[in-house]
N, C-alpha and C. Protein backbone atom coordinates (compact mmCIF):
# COMPACT_ATOMS: atom_id res chain seq x y z
N UNK A 1 1.06 -1.52 -0.08
CA UNK A 1 -0.10 -0.13 -0.11
C UNK A 1 0.50 1.26 -0.23
N UNK A 2 1.96 1.37 0.82
CA UNK A 2 2.83 2.15 0.71
C UNK A 2 3.19 2.56 -0.08
N UNK A 3 3.78 0.94 -1.22
CA UNK A 3 4.76 1.73 -2.11
C UNK A 3 3.35 2.38 -2.98
N UNK A 4 2.24 1.92 -3.53
CA UNK A 4 1.98 2.28 -4.73
C UNK A 4 1.24 3.96 -4.19
N UNK A 5 1.41 4.68 -3.15
CA UNK A 5 1.00 5.64 -2.63
C UNK A 5 2.28 6.67 -2.91
N UNK A 6 3.45 6.12 -3.11
CA UNK A 6 4.83 6.96 -3.06
C UNK A 6 4.75 7.01 -4.77
N UNK A 7 4.54 5.26 -5.17
CA UNK A 7 4.16 5.78 -6.73
C UNK A 7 3.30 6.39 -7.29
N UNK A 8 1.81 6.54 -6.47
CA UNK A 8 1.03 7.59 -7.12
C UNK A 8 2.01 8.84 -6.65
N UNK A 9 2.49 9.19 -6.41
CA UNK A 9 3.16 10.94 -5.57
C UNK A 9 3.87 10.98 -6.86
N UNK A 10 4.59 10.28 -7.24
CA UNK A 10 6.29 10.39 -8.15
C UNK A 10 4.86 10.77 -9.38
N UNK A 11 4.99 9.59 -9.24
CA UNK A 11 3.41 9.77 -12.01
C UNK A 11 2.72 11.26 -11.39
N UNK A 12 1.30 11.24 -10.78
CA UNK A 12 1.13 12.21 -10.82
C UNK A 12 1.90 13.62 -11.53
N UNK A 13 3.12 13.94 -10.46
CA UNK A 13 4.03 15.68 -11.12
C UNK A 13 4.30 14.78 -12.72
N UNK A 14 5.16 13.73 -12.65
CA UNK A 14 5.71 13.18 -13.73
C UNK A 14 4.23 13.55 -14.96
N UNK A 15 3.12 12.99 -14.83
CA UNK A 15 2.32 12.94 -15.92
C UNK A 15 1.95 14.84 -16.56
N UNK A 16 1.84 15.53 -15.14
CA UNK A 16 1.44 16.94 -15.39
C UNK A 16 1.99 17.73 -15.90
N UNK A 17 4.18 17.01 -15.94
CA UNK A 17 4.79 17.39 -16.25
C UNK A 17 5.06 17.37 -18.26
N UNK A 18 4.71 15.98 -18.08
CA UNK A 18 5.21 15.39 -19.83
C UNK A 18 4.21 16.00 -20.22
N UNK A 19 3.05 15.86 -19.83
CA UNK A 19 1.46 17.21 -20.25
C UNK A 19 2.14 18.53 -21.12
N UNK A 20 2.44 19.21 -20.32
CA UNK A 20 2.24 20.46 -20.62
C UNK A 20 3.34 20.34 -22.47
N UNK A 21 2.29 21.04 -22.97
CA UNK A 21 3.31 21.70 -24.60
C UNK A 21 4.24 22.81 -24.28
N UNK A 22 5.46 22.80 -24.70
CA UNK A 22 5.98 23.92 -24.36
C UNK A 22 5.86 24.78 -25.50
N UNK A 23 5.04 24.80 -26.67
CA UNK A 23 5.00 25.35 -28.24
C UNK A 23 4.50 26.47 -27.68
N UNK A 24 4.51 27.25 -28.45
CA UNK A 24 3.39 28.72 -28.14
C UNK A 24 2.38 28.77 -29.63
N UNK A 25 1.51 28.49 -28.85
CA UNK A 25 0.13 29.07 -30.10
C UNK A 25 0.50 29.79 -30.87
N UNK A 26 1.02 30.55 -32.46
CA UNK A 26 1.49 30.77 -33.39
C UNK A 26 -0.34 31.61 -33.79
N UNK A 27 -0.67 30.99 -34.39
CA UNK A 27 -2.48 31.67 -34.99
C UNK A 27 -2.57 32.12 -33.44
N UNK A 28 -2.89 32.18 -32.14
CA UNK A 28 -3.29 32.94 -31.43
C UNK A 28 -2.97 34.16 -31.13
N UNK A 29 -0.97 34.03 -30.78
CA UNK A 29 -0.06 34.64 -30.69
C UNK A 29 -0.82 36.08 -31.79
N UNK A 30 -0.79 35.30 -33.64
CA UNK A 30 0.31 36.76 -34.91
C UNK A 30 -0.92 36.09 -35.33
N UNK A 31 -1.49 35.64 -35.93
CA UNK A 31 -2.64 35.27 -36.77
C UNK A 31 -4.25 35.26 -36.04
N UNK A 32 -4.49 35.99 -35.34
CA UNK A 32 -5.43 36.17 -35.04
C UNK A 32 -6.55 37.47 -35.30
N UNK A 33 -6.13 37.22 -36.54
CA UNK A 33 -6.84 38.99 -37.02
C UNK A 33 -7.07 40.86 -36.06
N UNK A 34 -6.15 40.92 -35.17
CA UNK A 34 -5.99 41.34 -34.22
C UNK A 34 -4.32 42.02 -34.70
N UNK A 35 -4.75 43.85 -35.33
CA UNK A 35 -3.91 44.73 -35.76
C UNK A 35 -3.34 45.58 -34.17
N UNK A 36 -1.93 45.40 -34.12
CA UNK A 36 -0.82 46.05 -33.39
C UNK A 36 -0.31 47.09 -33.80
N UNK A 37 0.27 47.56 -32.34
CA UNK A 37 0.21 49.21 -31.76
C UNK A 37 1.23 49.32 -32.03
N UNK A 38 2.60 49.74 -32.07
CA UNK A 38 3.87 50.14 -31.60
C UNK A 38 3.35 50.94 -30.77
N UNK A 39 3.75 50.26 -29.23
CA UNK A 39 4.27 50.99 -28.42
C UNK A 39 4.93 51.92 -27.68
N UNK A 40 6.39 50.46 -27.90
CA UNK A 40 7.73 51.74 -27.20
C UNK A 40 9.18 50.85 -27.85
N UNK A 41 10.19 50.56 -27.43
CA UNK A 41 11.35 50.02 -27.99
C UNK A 41 12.47 49.77 -26.59
N UNK A 42 12.46 48.77 -26.87
CA UNK A 42 13.89 48.94 -25.40
C UNK A 42 15.55 48.22 -26.03
N UNK A 43 15.60 47.88 -25.06
CA UNK A 43 16.98 47.14 -25.01
C UNK A 43 16.57 46.29 -24.08
N UNK A 44 17.13 44.78 -23.62
CA UNK A 44 16.70 43.49 -22.89
C UNK A 44 18.50 43.58 -22.54
N UNK A 45 17.99 42.66 -20.90
CA UNK A 45 19.33 43.13 -20.51
C UNK A 45 20.17 41.65 -20.42
N UNK A 46 21.05 40.62 -20.02
CA UNK A 46 21.17 39.79 -19.73
C UNK A 46 20.37 38.58 -20.91
N UNK A 47 19.08 38.15 -20.21
CA UNK A 47 18.17 37.84 -19.90
C UNK A 47 16.83 37.80 -21.12
N UNK A 48 17.04 37.60 -22.14
CA UNK A 48 15.50 38.17 -22.73
C UNK A 48 14.19 37.94 -22.30
N UNK A 49 14.47 37.26 -21.67
CA UNK A 49 13.24 36.98 -20.63
C UNK A 49 12.76 37.14 -19.52
N UNK A 50 12.81 38.32 -18.86
CA UNK A 50 13.00 39.38 -17.78
C UNK A 50 12.70 40.45 -18.67
N UNK A 51 11.80 40.61 -18.11
CA UNK A 51 10.80 41.87 -18.08
C UNK A 51 11.49 43.15 -17.16
N UNK A 52 11.74 42.67 -16.49
CA UNK A 52 12.10 44.06 -15.07
C UNK A 52 13.68 43.90 -15.20
N UNK A 53 14.09 43.73 -16.14
CA UNK A 53 15.58 44.29 -16.59
C UNK A 53 15.76 45.21 -18.44
N UNK A 54 14.95 45.81 -19.03
CA UNK A 54 15.22 46.76 -19.84
C UNK A 54 14.92 48.01 -20.03
N UNK A 55 15.31 48.76 -20.80
CA UNK A 55 15.48 50.64 -20.57
C UNK A 55 14.88 51.01 -21.96
N UNK A 56 13.92 51.79 -21.73
CA UNK A 56 13.80 51.73 -23.23
C UNK A 56 14.77 52.48 -24.21
N UNK A 57 14.04 53.08 -24.89
CA UNK A 57 14.88 53.15 -26.57
C UNK A 57 14.15 54.78 -27.20
N UNK A 58 13.26 54.74 -27.02
CA UNK A 58 12.19 55.45 -27.92
C UNK A 58 12.98 57.18 -26.78
N UNK A 59 12.98 58.38 -26.96
CA UNK A 59 12.22 59.36 -26.30
C UNK A 59 11.18 59.48 -25.84
N UNK A 60 11.22 60.58 -24.83
CA UNK A 60 9.78 60.25 -24.38
C UNK A 60 8.92 61.21 -25.04
N UNK A 61 9.25 61.90 -26.04
CA UNK A 61 8.44 62.79 -27.66
C UNK A 61 8.19 61.69 -28.67
N UNK A 62 9.20 60.80 -28.88
CA UNK A 62 9.19 59.60 -29.82
C UNK A 62 7.38 58.54 -29.17
N UNK A 63 8.10 58.50 -27.91
CA UNK A 63 7.17 57.38 -27.23
C UNK A 63 5.36 58.40 -27.46
N UNK A 64 5.00 59.66 -26.58
CA UNK A 64 4.16 60.37 -26.64
C UNK A 64 3.81 60.06 -28.53
N UNK A 65 4.07 60.70 -29.11
CA UNK A 65 4.20 61.24 -30.28
C UNK A 65 3.83 59.62 -31.27
N UNK A 66 3.75 58.97 -30.81
CA UNK A 66 3.26 57.73 -31.76
C UNK A 66 2.19 56.46 -31.26
N UNK A 67 1.39 57.18 -29.96
CA UNK A 67 0.96 56.25 -28.46
C UNK A 67 -0.34 57.68 -28.89
N UNK A 68 0.14 58.77 -29.09
CA UNK A 68 -1.24 60.01 -29.16
C UNK A 68 -2.53 58.96 -30.12
N UNK A 69 -3.45 59.70 -29.71
CA UNK A 69 -4.79 59.24 -30.47
C UNK A 69 -5.07 59.20 -32.21
N UNK A 70 -4.04 60.55 -32.28
CA UNK A 70 -4.57 60.57 -34.27
C UNK A 70 -3.66 59.71 -34.85
N UNK A 71 -2.36 59.19 -33.70
CA UNK A 71 -1.52 57.63 -34.79
C UNK A 71 -2.21 56.70 -34.57
N UNK A 72 -3.67 56.02 -34.15
CA UNK A 72 -3.61 55.42 -33.89
C UNK A 72 -3.65 53.92 -35.20
N UNK A 73 -3.95 54.98 -36.52
CA UNK A 73 -3.66 54.42 -37.67
C UNK A 73 -2.26 54.55 -38.13
N UNK A 74 -1.99 54.45 -37.79
CA UNK A 74 0.04 54.55 -37.78
C UNK A 74 0.62 53.94 -36.78
N UNK A 75 1.93 53.65 -37.42
CA UNK A 75 3.15 52.61 -36.85
C UNK A 75 2.42 51.05 -36.49
N UNK A 76 1.37 50.32 -37.25
CA UNK A 76 0.43 49.53 -36.89
C UNK A 76 1.20 48.26 -37.63
N UNK A 77 1.11 47.47 -37.65
CA UNK A 77 0.39 45.84 -38.66
C UNK A 77 -0.07 44.51 -38.14
N UNK A 78 0.05 44.06 -38.81
CA UNK A 78 -1.44 42.87 -38.99
C UNK A 78 -0.33 41.09 -39.56
N UNK A 79 -0.64 40.26 -39.20
CA UNK A 79 -0.49 39.49 -39.48
C UNK A 79 -1.38 38.35 -39.90
N UNK A 80 -1.22 37.80 -40.99
CA UNK A 80 -2.47 36.90 -41.60
C UNK A 80 -1.81 34.84 -41.46
N UNK A 81 -2.98 34.43 -41.38
CA UNK A 81 -3.00 32.96 -41.16
C UNK A 81 -2.57 32.78 -42.34
N UNK A 82 -2.39 33.70 -43.17
CA UNK A 82 -2.02 32.54 -45.05
C UNK A 82 0.02 33.12 -44.75
N UNK A 83 0.03 34.06 -43.62
CA UNK A 83 1.90 33.96 -43.70
C UNK A 83 1.81 35.82 -44.31
N UNK A 84 1.19 36.42 -44.60
CA UNK A 84 1.13 37.71 -45.04
C UNK A 84 1.02 38.63 -43.53
N UNK A 85 2.07 39.33 -43.75
CA UNK A 85 1.54 40.54 -43.11
C UNK A 85 2.39 42.05 -43.77
N UNK A 86 1.05 43.14 -43.37
CA UNK A 86 1.39 44.27 -43.90
C UNK A 86 1.30 45.50 -42.45
N UNK A 87 1.80 46.84 -43.08
CA UNK A 87 1.82 47.48 -41.50
C UNK A 87 1.77 48.77 -42.25
N UNK A 88 1.61 50.07 -41.64
CA UNK A 88 2.12 51.33 -41.77
C UNK A 88 2.91 51.90 -41.12
N UNK A 89 3.03 52.77 -41.02
CA UNK A 89 3.63 54.07 -40.79
C UNK A 89 3.52 54.05 -40.85
N UNK A 90 4.14 56.19 -40.71
CA UNK A 90 3.35 57.06 -40.44
C UNK A 90 3.77 57.62 -42.21
N UNK A 91 4.23 57.68 -42.42
CA UNK A 91 4.10 58.01 -43.95
C UNK A 91 4.88 56.78 -45.00
N UNK A 92 4.28 55.93 -45.05
CA UNK A 92 4.49 54.78 -46.18
C UNK A 92 4.34 53.54 -45.23
N UNK A 93 3.41 52.72 -46.41
CA UNK A 93 3.27 50.91 -45.71
C UNK A 93 4.06 50.03 -46.15
N UNK A 94 3.98 49.00 -45.47
CA UNK A 94 4.17 47.75 -46.30
C UNK A 94 4.07 46.43 -46.30
N UNK A 95 3.51 46.22 -46.93
CA UNK A 95 3.73 44.38 -46.93
C UNK A 95 4.59 43.58 -47.12
N UNK A 96 4.55 42.06 -46.91
CA UNK A 96 5.19 40.91 -46.81
C UNK A 96 5.28 39.51 -46.69
N UNK A 97 5.69 38.97 -45.65
CA UNK A 97 5.15 37.92 -45.58
C UNK A 97 5.75 37.01 -44.31
N UNK A 98 5.45 36.34 -43.33
CA UNK A 98 6.04 36.02 -42.13
C UNK A 98 5.68 34.33 -41.89
N UNK A 99 7.14 33.52 -41.01
CA UNK A 99 6.26 32.61 -40.46
C UNK A 99 7.45 32.32 -39.11
N UNK A 100 6.41 31.89 -38.48
CA UNK A 100 7.48 31.47 -36.54
C UNK A 100 7.13 30.19 -36.05
N UNK A 101 8.31 29.78 -35.57
CA UNK A 101 7.94 28.47 -35.05
C UNK A 101 8.20 29.16 -33.45
N UNK A 102 7.43 28.02 -33.00
CA UNK A 102 6.47 28.32 -31.61
C UNK A 102 7.26 27.70 -30.56
N UNK A 103 8.51 26.67 -31.43
CA UNK A 103 9.39 25.67 -30.58
C UNK A 103 10.28 26.85 -29.80
N UNK A 104 11.31 27.36 -31.04
CA UNK A 104 12.34 28.44 -30.08
C UNK A 104 11.89 29.59 -30.57
N UNK A 105 10.84 30.38 -30.54
CA UNK A 105 10.90 31.23 -30.63
C UNK A 105 11.22 32.14 -31.67
N UNK A 106 11.35 31.30 -32.98
CA UNK A 106 12.41 31.83 -34.31
C UNK A 106 11.25 32.95 -34.98
N UNK A 107 11.11 34.14 -35.02
CA UNK A 107 10.34 34.68 -36.76
C UNK A 107 10.81 35.06 -37.52
N UNK A 108 10.45 34.98 -39.23
CA UNK A 108 11.47 35.37 -40.61
C UNK A 108 10.51 36.51 -40.60
N UNK A 109 10.86 37.27 -40.88
CA UNK A 109 9.60 38.70 -41.59
C UNK A 109 10.42 39.26 -42.41
N UNK A 110 9.23 38.65 -43.54
CA UNK A 110 10.37 39.51 -45.15
C UNK A 110 9.04 41.35 -45.32
N UNK A 111 9.82 42.40 -45.04
CA UNK A 111 9.12 43.47 -45.79
C UNK A 111 9.82 43.80 -46.69
N UNK A 112 8.42 44.33 -48.05
CA UNK A 112 9.08 46.11 -48.47
C UNK A 112 7.75 46.50 -47.75
N UNK A 113 8.97 47.84 -48.51
CA UNK A 113 8.07 48.90 -48.22
C UNK A 113 7.60 49.35 -49.79
N UNK A 114 6.57 50.45 -49.47
CA UNK A 114 6.30 51.55 -50.77
C UNK A 114 7.13 52.92 -51.16
N UNK A 115 7.65 52.91 -49.98
CA UNK A 115 9.20 53.36 -49.58
C UNK A 115 9.90 53.63 -48.15
N UNK A 116 11.73 52.92 -48.84
CA UNK A 116 12.28 52.99 -47.47
C UNK A 116 12.26 54.41 -46.28
N UNK A 117 11.73 53.82 -45.41
CA UNK A 117 11.98 54.97 -44.73
C UNK A 117 12.74 55.51 -44.07
N UNK A 118 13.84 56.42 -44.52
CA UNK A 118 15.51 56.84 -43.96
C UNK A 118 15.97 57.06 -42.93
N UNK A 119 15.22 58.00 -42.10
CA UNK A 119 14.91 58.95 -41.15
C UNK A 119 13.50 58.66 -39.87
N UNK A 120 13.77 59.63 -38.55
CA UNK A 120 12.77 59.32 -37.68
C UNK A 120 12.39 58.07 -37.51
N UNK A 121 11.13 58.35 -36.75
CA UNK A 121 10.10 57.02 -35.65
C UNK A 121 9.84 56.61 -37.33
N UNK A 122 9.50 56.53 -38.58
CA UNK A 122 9.64 55.40 -39.78
C UNK A 122 10.66 55.00 -40.05
N UNK A 123 11.72 54.77 -39.70
CA UNK A 123 13.27 54.23 -40.42
C UNK A 123 13.33 52.81 -38.49
N UNK A 124 12.91 53.92 -38.12
CA UNK A 124 13.21 52.64 -36.46
C UNK A 124 11.96 51.56 -36.38
N UNK A 125 10.74 52.35 -36.88
CA UNK A 125 9.92 51.13 -36.65
C UNK A 125 10.13 50.49 -38.58
N UNK A 126 10.34 50.57 -39.24
CA UNK A 126 10.32 49.41 -40.62
C UNK A 126 12.05 48.95 -40.40
N UNK A 127 13.39 49.28 -39.26
CA UNK A 127 14.15 49.05 -39.43
C UNK A 127 14.23 47.99 -38.16
N UNK A 128 13.50 47.70 -37.02
CA UNK A 128 12.94 46.65 -36.09
C UNK A 128 12.46 45.51 -36.11
N UNK A 129 11.07 46.04 -37.05
CA UNK A 129 10.93 44.74 -37.81
C UNK A 129 11.29 44.01 -39.00
N UNK A 130 11.75 44.51 -39.74
CA UNK A 130 12.63 44.02 -40.51
C UNK A 130 14.18 42.75 -39.59
N UNK A 131 14.52 43.26 -38.63
CA UNK A 131 15.48 42.74 -37.98
C UNK A 131 14.87 41.80 -37.05
N UNK A 132 13.86 41.65 -36.62
CA UNK A 132 13.34 40.99 -35.93
C UNK A 132 13.82 39.34 -35.74
N UNK A 133 13.83 38.91 -35.52
CA UNK A 133 14.27 37.09 -35.59
C UNK A 133 13.72 36.39 -34.03
N UNK A 134 13.41 36.71 -32.82
CA UNK A 134 12.55 35.79 -32.17
C UNK A 134 11.36 36.73 -31.83
N UNK A 135 10.62 36.64 -31.43
CA UNK A 135 9.23 37.08 -30.61
C UNK A 135 8.68 37.06 -28.88
N UNK A 136 8.72 37.18 -28.88
CA UNK A 136 7.89 36.69 -26.90
C UNK A 136 6.41 37.06 -27.15
N UNK A 137 5.32 36.97 -26.71
CA UNK A 137 4.01 37.53 -26.74
C UNK A 137 3.41 36.49 -26.54
N UNK A 138 2.14 37.02 -26.51
CA UNK A 138 0.68 36.49 -26.50
C UNK A 138 -0.41 37.52 -26.78
N UNK A 139 -1.45 36.75 -27.17
CA UNK A 139 -2.83 37.86 -28.08
C UNK A 139 -3.16 39.24 -27.27
N UNK A 140 -2.17 39.32 -25.82
CA UNK A 140 -2.52 41.19 -25.15
C UNK A 140 -1.07 42.00 -25.75
N UNK A 141 0.39 40.77 -25.78
CA UNK A 141 1.38 41.42 -26.13
C UNK A 141 2.57 41.55 -26.94
N UNK A 142 2.92 41.28 -28.39
CA UNK A 142 4.13 40.50 -28.99
C UNK A 142 5.32 42.05 -28.95
N UNK A 143 6.62 40.82 -28.84
CA UNK A 143 7.91 41.37 -28.58
C UNK A 143 8.27 41.06 -29.67
N UNK A 144 9.27 41.66 -30.75
CA UNK A 144 10.02 41.48 -31.47
C UNK A 144 11.22 42.00 -31.57
N UNK A 145 12.28 40.60 -31.12
CA UNK A 145 13.45 41.36 -30.65
C UNK A 145 14.28 41.32 -31.99
N UNK A 146 15.78 41.51 -31.87
CA UNK A 146 16.98 41.51 -32.94
C UNK A 146 17.40 40.11 -32.66
N UNK A 147 18.43 39.38 -33.54
CA UNK A 147 19.09 38.09 -33.67
C UNK A 147 20.00 38.00 -32.83
N UNK A 148 20.51 39.35 -31.76
CA UNK A 148 20.83 39.12 -30.41
C UNK A 148 20.01 38.91 -29.71
N UNK A 149 18.98 39.32 -29.12
CA UNK A 149 18.31 39.37 -28.20
C UNK A 149 18.15 40.18 -27.67
N UNK A 150 19.23 41.37 -27.89
CA UNK A 150 19.58 42.50 -26.33
C UNK A 150 18.49 43.92 -27.09
N UNK A 151 17.39 43.82 -27.86
CA UNK A 151 16.53 44.85 -28.06
C UNK A 151 15.05 44.52 -28.79
N UNK A 152 14.05 44.85 -28.50
CA UNK A 152 12.83 44.57 -29.42
C UNK A 152 11.57 45.87 -29.28
N UNK A 153 11.24 45.93 -30.19
CA UNK A 153 10.31 46.70 -30.63
C UNK A 153 8.66 45.94 -29.68
N UNK A 154 7.98 46.44 -29.26
CA UNK A 154 7.14 46.27 -28.47
C UNK A 154 5.86 46.37 -29.10
N UNK A 155 4.87 44.94 -29.38
CA UNK A 155 3.37 45.97 -29.63
C UNK A 155 2.07 45.61 -28.93
N UNK A 156 1.11 46.46 -28.80
CA UNK A 156 -0.20 46.57 -28.75
C UNK A 156 -1.37 45.97 -29.24
N UNK A 157 -2.38 45.47 -29.26
CA UNK A 157 -3.99 45.28 -29.63
C UNK A 157 -4.08 46.56 -29.94
N UNK A 158 -4.73 47.37 -31.21
CA UNK A 158 -4.78 48.61 -31.44
C UNK A 158 -5.49 49.92 -31.07
N UNK A 159 -6.25 48.89 -30.43
CA UNK A 159 -7.37 49.61 -29.58
C UNK A 159 -7.67 49.72 -27.72
N UNK A 160 -5.96 48.96 -27.63
CA UNK A 160 -5.31 49.53 -26.52
C UNK A 160 -4.86 50.85 -26.23
N UNK A 161 -4.50 51.18 -25.38
CA UNK A 161 -3.69 52.74 -24.90
C UNK A 161 -3.53 52.54 -24.05
N UNK A 162 -1.32 53.00 -23.97
CA UNK A 162 -1.12 52.96 -22.38
C UNK A 162 -1.15 54.32 -21.62
């Protein structure tokens, strides 16, 4: 009896741990019909998954500008379940393709703009999306990281305001 009880105590946690799916639901995160709005950009500390060790890289004025109500339809991106991506900066639009791997959090985004932004907020927005190689997120927040996982651009649903 004691032996069966010990076995049950060991088997239950094992079943729970083995039953966990460690893979992200890509469609829930990206291809859910949501339009995402750029909220800010950050440098990450050594651990890219530690949200307490980040430094904002946008100036107060830049953050205020991109998040004002009149820019609701600018600095946005939308992912479709067919692997298409489209978006809009302040003075340009882009289209392209995307794919993501829910096991290793890698992402590939290839975009082409109607005109290449060379300076200012549009250039930051375009560059940070173009350089994304990894992601973290859920249905409420998306963070697109560079290849070194040291910098990310963050998005919230379009209707959300800081």
